[in-house]
Amino acid sequence: MSPHSQPLELHEHIIDHLHNDIHALRACSLTCQGWLPATRCVVLVRVSDCLRFLDALESSAQTHTRIADYVREFKLPDMSLMSRRRLRRNRWRFELLCRILRDLRNLTCLRVNGFDWEGFIHLLRAEAGDESLREAMAAFFPCPTLKKLFIESLELHSPDELTLLISIFPRLSWLDLSVLFKFRDSLPDNRSTSVNSQRAASSPAALARILESLLSPPFEGSFHEVIWMSKSLERRLVSDTHLLKEVLRKSETTLESLSVVLPDAEWLGDLDLSRHQRLTTLRFDFGFAADDMYFGALHVFYAELTSGHLRNVHMLFEVQDCPEDWAHVDWPHLDQTLAALHMRCPSLTITFEIFNGVHIDEVGLNVIQPLQERLTQTIAAGMRVEVMASAVVFCRSDDSGELVTVSDTL
């Protein structure tokens, strides 16, 4: 069968499957002319060496290949822009990045990870001044098709600088914020944008300020997917429960997927998803605490769900001992609630994931039988219940651990 008689989707699937094999992709690019554009999009999806890449961009611009047209993802390089002894090099690197980004008109994903943001802002302010900072930033990042923005491990003068960056991408639909630190005051921005997806990992005061800006005018913060993660230490710096509730309130008509990872279940007591009619996926990661009274309200939470589109509910429990830890859950009422939920959403699959650590000479968790005994009505109603049990098995001699995972369906 010739390549032309096969569906184009099949060709793209084959090439996507080879995304980590650079030699196979090069061979595919030589197979036929029709495969050349697709292989270039995969090969050139990430860029690391800026100087060589700029040389390739400029040389290909004079031919029909135009490498820049195939680049979809770019990570800002981890290089210093604020060396006091090498001011000329700082400016040269700044201009190098500017020339590269000017050519990447089809960029859809930008990663700002470990980038020298302070040096960048210093050079940008020196060139443009505070009054035209947004215009200068928009000129530096001329990416009209950008949809995904990943921001991680940055030192900033102010969270308002990132709000400014977010605002210049009119088609942005995915925002990932993680590990931001070192702030001073700055002027807020007054431009609007529309962000449809939010993923926030870690939420100390800086991330809270950025998120508050996205939830306030002139931004339009309606989210299709929310992945909310925080840790105990960070929650002592700022309470993010009210921010999560505000994100959900703004997304009543759009939210389809919600994943929450919090060190306690305090937020569960007053979390209301009864107005989120488009919900299809829920995931909650719980850490059991003996004095946590909110696990007894799990059945109340699920009883208030009204979406008829639910397809997947995933609950991860970090436990030490099943019989003792699970006693905090009102299993009879939860069993009744899940059985009733199955009547409204017959395609729903609920997954119980159990995680703990055990030593090699201890008996591992037996989770299948306890769940079968506690969810008799749910199973009898026909709901698909999946169970995943994982544990880090330690050796007492050196406390080294190995992750072991098993899964089954009730």
Protein backbone atom coordinates (compact mmCIF):
# COMPACT_ATOMS: atom_id res chain seq x y z
CA MET A 1 0.00 0.00 0.00
CA SER A 2 1.46 3.37 -1.00
CA PRO A 3 1.69 6.20 1.57
CA HIS A 4 -0.82 8.25 -0.43
CA SER A 5 -3.54 5.59 -0.02
CA GLN A 6 -3.33 5.74 3.79
CA PRO A 7 -5.19 8.31 5.91
CA LEU A 8 -3.20 11.41 6.86
CA GLU A 9 -4.17 10.87 10.52
CA LEU A 10 -2.35 7.52 10.47
CA HIS A 11 0.83 9.17 9.22
CA GLU A 12 0.65 11.83 11.94
CA HIS A 13 0.05 9.18 14.61
CA ILE A 14 3.16 7.26 13.51
CA ILE A 15 5.29 10.39 13.57
CA ASP A 16 3.95 11.48 16.97
CA HIS A 17 4.78 8.03 18.34
CA LEU A 18 8.42 8.57 17.33
CA HIS A 19 8.74 11.96 19.00
CA ASN A 20 11.67 10.85 21.22
CA ASP A 21 13.61 9.07 18.45
CA ILE A 22 15.46 11.77 16.51
CA HIS A 23 17.14 9.29 14.14
CA ALA A 24 13.81 7.69 13.20
CA LEU A 25 12.28 11.12 12.62
CA ARG A 26 15.11 12.09 10.30
CA ALA A 27 14.55 8.86 8.37
CA CYS A 28 10.82 9.66 8.14
CA SER A 29 11.60 13.11 6.77
CA LEU A 30 13.43 11.45 3.88
CA THR A 31 10.73 8.84 3.21
CA CYS A 32 8.46 11.09 1.18
CA GLN A 33 7.89 14.79 0.72
CA GLY A 34 4.46 14.57 2.37
CA TRP A 35 6.02 13.53 5.68
CA LEU A 36 8.53 16.37 5.77
CA PRO A 37 6.31 19.09 7.39
CA ALA A 38 5.02 16.76 10.12
CA THR A 39 8.48 15.51 11.07
CA ARG A 40 9.83 19.05 11.21
CA CYS A 41 7.10 20.07 13.63
CA VAL A 42 8.17 17.27 15.99
CA VAL A 43 11.93 17.66 15.57
CA LEU A 44 11.83 21.42 16.06
CA VAL A 45 9.32 21.45 18.89
CA ARG A 46 12.04 22.33 21.48
CA VAL A 47 15.08 24.56 21.16
CA SER A 48 18.12 24.59 23.47
CA ASP A 49 21.13 26.16 21.68
CA CYS A 50 20.01 29.71 20.85
CA LEU A 51 23.05 30.79 18.84
CA ARG A 52 23.03 27.78 16.51
CA PHE A 53 19.27 27.98 16.25
CA LEU A 54 19.37 31.64 15.21
CA ASP A 55 21.92 30.80 12.54
CA ALA A 56 19.62 28.02 11.26
CA LEU A 57 16.64 30.40 11.26
CA GLU A 58 18.43 33.05 9.25
CA SER A 59 19.93 30.63 6.74
CA SER A 60 16.62 28.81 6.16
CA ALA A 61 14.74 32.10 5.76
CA GLN A 62 16.34 32.46 2.34
CA THR A 63 14.96 29.10 1.20
CA HIS A 64 11.55 27.40 0.96
CA THR A 65 12.12 25.45 4.21
CA ARG A 66 11.77 28.33 6.75
CA ILE A 67 12.50 26.41 9.94
CA ALA A 68 10.82 29.10 12.06
CA ASP A 69 7.40 28.16 10.65
CA TYR A 70 7.63 24.70 12.23
CA VAL A 71 8.60 25.65 15.79
CA ARG A 72 5.66 25.27 18.18
CA GLU A 73 7.35 25.19 21.59
CA PHE A 74 10.20 27.30 22.94
CA LYS A 75 11.90 27.41 26.35
CA LEU A 76 13.65 30.62 27.29
CA PRO A 77 17.31 29.72 27.90
CA ASP A 78 18.86 29.59 31.35
CA MET A 79 21.51 32.28 30.89
CA SER A 80 22.46 35.37 32.84
CA LEU A 81 21.25 38.77 31.61
CA MET A 82 22.39 40.77 34.63
CA SER A 83 26.15 40.40 34.94
CA ARG A 84 27.60 43.67 36.28
CA ARG A 85 30.99 42.98 34.73
CA ARG A 86 29.73 42.07 31.27
CA LEU A 87 27.13 44.66 30.36
CA ARG A 88 27.82 44.33 26.65
CA ARG A 89 27.25 40.56 26.81
CA ASN A 90 23.95 41.12 28.64
CA ARG A 91 22.73 43.36 25.83
CA TRP A 92 23.96 40.92 23.16
CA ARG A 93 22.08 38.02 24.74
CA PHE A 94 18.95 40.16 25.09
CA GLU A 95 19.04 41.07 21.41
CA LEU A 96 19.73 37.43 20.46
CA LEU A 97 16.54 36.31 22.19
CA CYS A 98 14.59 39.16 20.65
CA ARG A 99 15.70 38.17 17.13
CA ILE A 100 14.77 34.54 17.70
CA LEU A 101 11.31 35.24 19.12
CA ARG A 102 10.58 37.71 16.32
CA ASP A 103 10.75 34.83 13.83
CA LEU A 104 8.66 32.31 15.80
CA ARG A 105 5.26 33.53 14.66
CA ASN A 106 3.61 30.11 14.94
CA LEU A 107 4.66 29.48 18.54
CA THR A 108 1.91 27.84 20.63
CA CYS A 109 3.81 27.01 23.86
CA LEU A 110 6.30 29.12 25.81
CA ARG A 111 8.21 27.86 28.85
CA VAL A 112 9.68 30.42 31.26
CA ASN A 113 11.55 28.11 33.62
CA GLY A 114 14.62 29.26 35.56
CA PHE A 115 14.92 32.25 33.23
CA ASP A 116 16.82 35.37 34.42
CA TRP A 117 13.63 37.40 34.69
CA GLU A 118 15.19 40.17 36.79
CA GLY A 119 17.89 40.77 34.21
CA PHE A 120 15.33 40.66 31.41
CA ILE A 121 13.04 43.23 33.07
CA HIS A 122 16.04 45.46 33.85
CA LEU A 123 17.10 45.51 30.19
CA LEU A 124 13.50 45.93 29.00
CA ARG A 125 12.91 48.89 31.32
CA ALA A 126 16.17 50.50 30.24
CA GLU A 127 15.04 50.23 26.64
CA ALA A 128 11.39 51.21 26.99
CA GLY A 129 10.81 52.88 30.35
CA ASP A 130 7.98 52.07 32.77
CA GLU A 131 5.23 53.86 30.84
CA SER A 132 5.60 51.72 27.71
CA LEU A 133 6.69 48.49 29.42
CA ARG A 134 3.69 46.51 28.18
CA GLU A 135 4.21 47.62 24.58
CA ALA A 136 7.91 46.71 24.81
CA MET A 137 7.07 43.28 26.26
CA ALA A 138 4.50 42.66 23.52
CA ALA A 139 7.11 43.56 20.91
CA PHE A 140 9.64 41.21 22.52
CA PHE A 141 7.12 38.32 22.56
CA PRO A 142 5.25 38.70 19.22
CA CYS A 143 3.35 35.40 19.62
CA PRO A 144 -0.25 35.89 18.40
CA THR A 145 -0.95 32.13 18.37
CA LEU A 146 0.44 31.31 21.83
CA LYS A 147 -1.95 29.07 23.78
CA LYS A 148 0.15 27.60 26.62
CA LEU A 149 2.36 29.46 29.06
CA PHE A 150 4.45 27.64 31.71
CA ILE A 151 6.07 29.80 34.40
CA GLU A 152 8.30 28.22 37.05
CA SER A 153 11.19 29.08 39.39
CA LEU A 154 11.44 32.81 38.77
CA GLU A 155 12.69 35.71 40.85
CA LEU A 156 10.50 38.78 40.35
CA HIS A 157 10.30 42.38 41.44
CA SER A 158 6.53 42.07 41.61
CA PRO A 159 3.77 39.62 40.62
CA ASP A 160 2.40 42.43 38.45
CA GLU A 161 5.23 41.75 35.99
CA LEU A 162 3.79 38.31 35.29
CA THR A 163 0.29 39.71 35.07
CA LEU A 164 1.69 42.02 32.41
CA LEU A 165 3.23 39.08 30.54
CA ILE A 166 0.01 37.06 30.67
CA SER A 167 -2.01 39.96 29.33
CA ILE A 168 -0.10 40.24 26.02
CA PHE A 169 -1.20 36.82 24.72
CA PRO A 170 -4.79 37.18 23.45
CA ARG A 171 -5.29 33.45 22.69
CA LEU A 172 -3.78 32.07 25.90
CA SER A 173 -5.80 29.07 27.12
CA TRP A 174 -3.43 27.22 29.51
CA LEU A 175 -1.49 28.81 32.35
CA ASP A 176 0.88 26.91 34.65
CA LEU A 177 2.27 28.83 37.65
CA SER A 178 4.78 27.26 40.03
CA VAL A 179 7.45 28.31 42.55
CA LEU A 180 7.69 32.09 42.35
CA PHE A 181 9.61 34.15 44.89
CA LYS A 182 11.30 37.47 45.78
CA PHE A 183 8.90 40.39 45.28
CA ARG A 184 8.86 44.14 45.59
CA ASP A 185 6.07 46.55 44.77
CA SER A 186 5.30 47.55 41.21
CA LEU A 187 2.53 49.13 39.20
CA PRO A 188 -0.39 46.91 38.11
CA ASP A 189 -1.41 46.53 34.50
CA ASN A 190 -4.77 47.62 33.12
CA ARG A 191 -5.12 45.45 30.01
CA SER A 192 -7.51 42.56 29.50
CA THR A 193 -7.12 38.98 28.37
CA SER A 194 -9.09 35.75 28.54
CA VAL A 195 -7.61 32.68 30.25
CA ASN A 196 -9.63 29.47 30.00
CA SER A 197 -7.47 26.99 31.92
CA GLN A 198 -5.59 27.34 35.17
CA ARG A 199 -3.03 25.06 36.67
CA ALA A 200 -1.49 26.37 39.91
CA ALA A 201 1.13 24.29 41.68
CA SER A 202 2.17 25.90 44.98
CA SER A 203 0.38 28.99 46.22
CA PRO A 204 2.28 31.23 48.61
CA ALA A 205 1.52 34.94 48.73
CA ALA A 206 3.00 35.71 45.29
CA LEU A 207 0.88 33.18 43.41
CA ALA A 208 -2.14 34.32 45.38
CA ARG A 209 -1.59 37.91 44.22
CA ILE A 210 -1.27 36.83 40.60
CA LEU A 211 -4.39 34.72 40.79
CA GLU A 212 -6.35 37.50 42.46
CA SER A 213 -5.40 39.73 39.52
CA LEU A 214 -6.63 37.11 37.03
CA LEU A 215 -9.94 36.85 38.87
CA SER A 216 -10.50 40.62 38.92
CA PRO A 217 -11.38 43.08 36.14
CA PRO A 218 -10.25 43.55 33.43
CA PHE A 219 -9.30 39.85 33.17
CA GLU A 220 -11.93 37.22 32.36
CA GLY A 221 -11.04 34.23 34.52
CA SER A 222 -13.42 31.48 33.44
CA PHE A 223 -11.66 28.12 33.58
CA HIS A 224 -12.33 24.80 31.85
CA GLU A 225 -9.77 22.86 33.91
CA VAL A 226 -8.44 23.59 37.38
CA ILE A 227 -5.54 21.67 38.95
CA TRP A 228 -4.97 23.07 42.44
CA MET A 229 -1.94 22.00 44.47
CA SER A 230 -0.51 23.34 47.72
CA LYS A 231 1.53 22.19 50.71
CA SER A 232 1.26 22.66 54.47
CA LEU A 233 4.14 25.14 54.69
CA GLU A 234 2.78 27.30 51.88
CA ARG A 235 -0.74 27.30 53.32
CA ARG A 236 0.66 28.77 56.55
CA LEU A 237 1.84 31.74 54.48
CA VAL A 238 -1.51 32.36 52.83
CA SER A 239 -4.93 30.72 53.02
CA ASP A 240 -5.80 29.65 49.49
CA THR A 241 -9.21 28.12 50.21
CA HIS A 242 -11.04 31.35 49.43
CA LEU A 243 -9.09 31.68 46.18
CA LEU A 244 -10.07 28.16 45.14
CA LYS A 245 -13.71 28.91 45.90
CA GLU A 246 -13.53 32.12 43.87
CA VAL A 247 -11.95 30.28 40.92
CA LEU A 248 -14.78 27.75 41.03
CA ARG A 249 -17.42 30.47 41.34
CA LYS A 250 -16.06 32.21 38.25
CA SER A 251 -16.13 28.90 36.36
CA GLU A 252 -19.66 27.68 37.07
CA THR A 253 -20.61 27.57 33.39
CA THR A 254 -17.26 26.39 32.00
CA LEU A 255 -15.55 24.00 34.43
CA GLU A 256 -15.15 20.46 33.10
CA SER A 257 -12.27 19.06 35.14
CA LEU A 258 -11.22 19.69 38.75
CA SER A 259 -8.23 18.24 40.57
CA VAL A 260 -7.41 19.30 44.13
CA VAL A 261 -4.31 18.30 46.11
CA LEU A 262 -4.36 19.75 49.63
CA PRO A 263 -2.77 18.59 52.89
CA ASP A 264 -6.14 18.53 54.67
CA ALA A 265 -9.82 18.24 53.83
CA GLU A 266 -11.00 21.41 55.56
CA TRP A 267 -12.05 22.91 52.23
CA LEU A 268 -14.39 19.99 51.58
CA GLY A 269 -16.88 21.06 54.24
CA ASP A 270 -18.21 24.03 52.26
CA LEU A 271 -17.11 23.22 48.69
CA ASP A 272 -20.18 23.59 46.48
CA LEU A 273 -20.15 22.20 42.92
CA SER A 274 -23.91 21.99 42.53
CA ARG A 275 -23.94 24.68 39.80
CA HIS A 276 -21.18 23.18 37.68
CA GLN A 277 -23.27 21.37 35.10
CA ARG A 278 -20.40 20.62 32.68
CA LEU A 279 -18.22 18.68 35.13
CA THR A 280 -16.85 15.45 33.67
CA THR A 281 -13.77 14.72 35.81
CA LEU A 282 -13.03 15.05 39.54
CA ARG A 283 -9.84 14.11 41.37
CA PHE A 284 -9.14 14.61 45.07
CA ASP A 285 -5.93 13.68 46.91
CA PHE A 286 -6.58 13.18 50.63
CA GLY A 287 -4.16 12.84 53.51
CA PHE A 288 -5.87 11.25 56.47
CA ALA A 289 -5.67 12.86 59.90
CA ALA A 290 -7.21 11.27 62.98
CA ASP A 291 -8.93 14.50 64.03
CA ASP A 292 -10.17 15.47 60.57
CA MET A 293 -13.95 15.56 60.77
CA TYR A 294 -14.53 16.44 57.12
CA PHE A 295 -14.11 12.93 55.75
CA GLY A 296 -17.41 12.05 57.33
CA ALA A 297 -19.01 14.59 54.97
CA LEU A 298 -17.83 12.92 51.76
CA HIS A 299 -21.29 11.56 51.06
CA VAL A 300 -22.81 15.05 51.49
CA PHE A 301 -20.38 16.46 48.93
CA TYR A 302 -21.14 13.79 46.33
CA ALA A 303 -24.89 14.00 46.96
CA GLU A 304 -24.83 17.68 45.95
CA LEU A 305 -23.24 17.05 42.54
CA THR A 306 -25.76 17.78 39.80
CA SER A 307 -23.73 17.38 36.61
CA GLY A 308 -25.08 14.66 34.37
CA HIS A 309 -21.81 14.49 32.42
CA LEU A 310 -19.56 12.96 35.09
CA ARG A 311 -17.32 10.26 33.67
CA ASN A 312 -14.44 9.90 36.14
CA VAL A 313 -14.11 10.45 39.89
CA HIS A 314 -10.67 9.66 41.33
CA MET A 315 -9.92 9.71 45.07
CA LEU A 316 -6.41 9.16 46.39
CA PHE A 317 -6.07 8.33 50.10
CA GLU A 318 -2.73 8.42 51.89
CA VAL A 319 -3.24 6.00 54.78
CA GLN A 320 -1.20 4.22 57.40
CA ASP A 321 -3.70 1.57 58.37
CA CYS A 322 -6.91 0.84 56.47
CA PRO A 323 -9.27 -0.22 59.32
CA GLU A 324 -8.33 2.68 61.59
CA ASP A 325 -8.02 5.43 58.97
CA TRP A 326 -11.14 4.46 57.03
CA ALA A 327 -13.26 4.59 60.18
CA HIS A 328 -13.49 8.35 59.67
CA VAL A 329 -15.54 7.87 56.49
CA ASP A 330 -19.31 7.38 56.77
CA TRP A 331 -19.30 4.36 54.46
CA PRO A 332 -23.03 3.42 54.67
CA HIS A 333 -24.12 6.89 53.53
CA LEU A 334 -21.30 7.13 50.98
CA ASP A 335 -22.35 3.77 49.55
CA GLN A 336 -25.96 4.96 49.14
CA THR A 337 -24.82 8.24 47.59
CA LEU A 338 -22.55 6.61 45.02
CA ALA A 339 -25.28 4.15 44.04
CA ALA A 340 -27.67 7.07 43.46
CA LEU A 341 -24.96 8.94 41.55
CA HIS A 342 -24.64 5.97 39.21
CA MET A 343 -28.34 6.27 38.33
CA ARG A 344 -27.75 9.87 37.16
CA CYS A 345 -24.40 9.15 35.50
CA PRO A 346 -24.38 5.53 34.28
CA SER A 347 -21.04 5.99 32.47
CA LEU A 348 -19.27 7.13 35.62
CA THR A 349 -16.17 5.27 36.82
CA ILE A 350 -15.01 5.85 40.38
CA THR A 351 -11.42 5.07 41.34
CA PHE A 352 -10.08 4.54 44.85
CA GLU A 353 -6.30 4.91 44.96
CA ILE A 354 -4.68 3.90 48.24
CA PHE A 355 -1.09 4.88 49.01
CA ASN A 356 1.10 4.13 52.03
CA GLY A 357 4.58 3.07 53.06
CA VAL A 358 5.38 -0.33 54.54
CA HIS A 359 8.52 -2.22 55.54
CA ILE A 360 9.44 -5.34 53.69
CA ASP A 361 8.62 -7.61 56.64
CA GLU A 362 5.19 -6.08 57.22
CA VAL A 363 1.91 -7.13 55.65
CA GLY A 364 0.87 -4.84 52.81
CA LEU A 365 -2.52 -3.21 52.47
CA ASN A 366 -5.50 -5.38 51.68
CA VAL A 367 -7.83 -2.87 50.02
CA ILE A 368 -10.01 -4.96 47.72
CA GLN A 369 -11.97 -6.84 50.36
CA PRO A 370 -12.60 -3.83 52.67
CA LEU A 371 -13.97 -1.81 49.75
CA GLN A 372 -16.16 -4.68 48.56
CA GLU A 373 -17.65 -4.93 52.06
CA ARG A 374 -18.25 -1.17 52.31
CA LEU A 375 -19.62 -0.52 48.79
CA THR A 376 -22.18 -3.31 48.36
CA GLN A 377 -24.98 -1.05 47.04
CA THR A 378 -22.63 0.77 44.67
CA ILE A 379 -21.37 -2.48 43.17
CA ALA A 380 -24.88 -3.97 43.00
CA ALA A 381 -26.09 -0.87 41.11
CA GLY A 382 -23.55 -1.65 38.38
CA MET A 383 -21.10 1.22 38.88
CA ARG A 384 -17.59 0.54 37.63
CA VAL A 385 -15.30 0.77 40.68
CA GLU A 386 -11.55 0.62 40.12
CA VAL A 387 -9.00 0.16 42.88
CA MET A 388 -5.33 1.11 42.78
CA ALA A 389 -3.04 0.27 45.68
CA SER A 390 0.53 1.56 45.79
CA ALA A 391 3.14 1.56 48.51
CA VAL A 392 6.75 2.53 48.94
CA VAL A 393 8.24 -0.68 50.32
CA PHE A 394 11.19 0.04 52.61
CA CYS A 395 14.05 -2.23 53.60
CA ARG A 396 14.82 -1.87 57.31
CA SER A 397 18.56 -2.17 56.80
CA ASP A 398 19.01 1.06 54.85
CA ASP A 399 15.46 2.47 54.57
CA SER A 400 15.72 2.47 50.79
CA GLY A 401 12.30 2.42 49.13
CA GLU A 402 10.75 0.97 45.99
CA LEU A 403 7.32 1.90 44.64
CA VAL A 404 5.01 -1.08 44.12
CA THR A 405 1.59 -0.66 42.45
CA VAL A 406 -1.32 -3.05 41.86
CA SER A 407 -4.75 -2.37 40.36
CA ASP A 408 -8.08 -4.21 40.05
CA THR A 409 -11.76 -3.66 39.32
CA LEU A 410 -14.51 -4.52 41.80
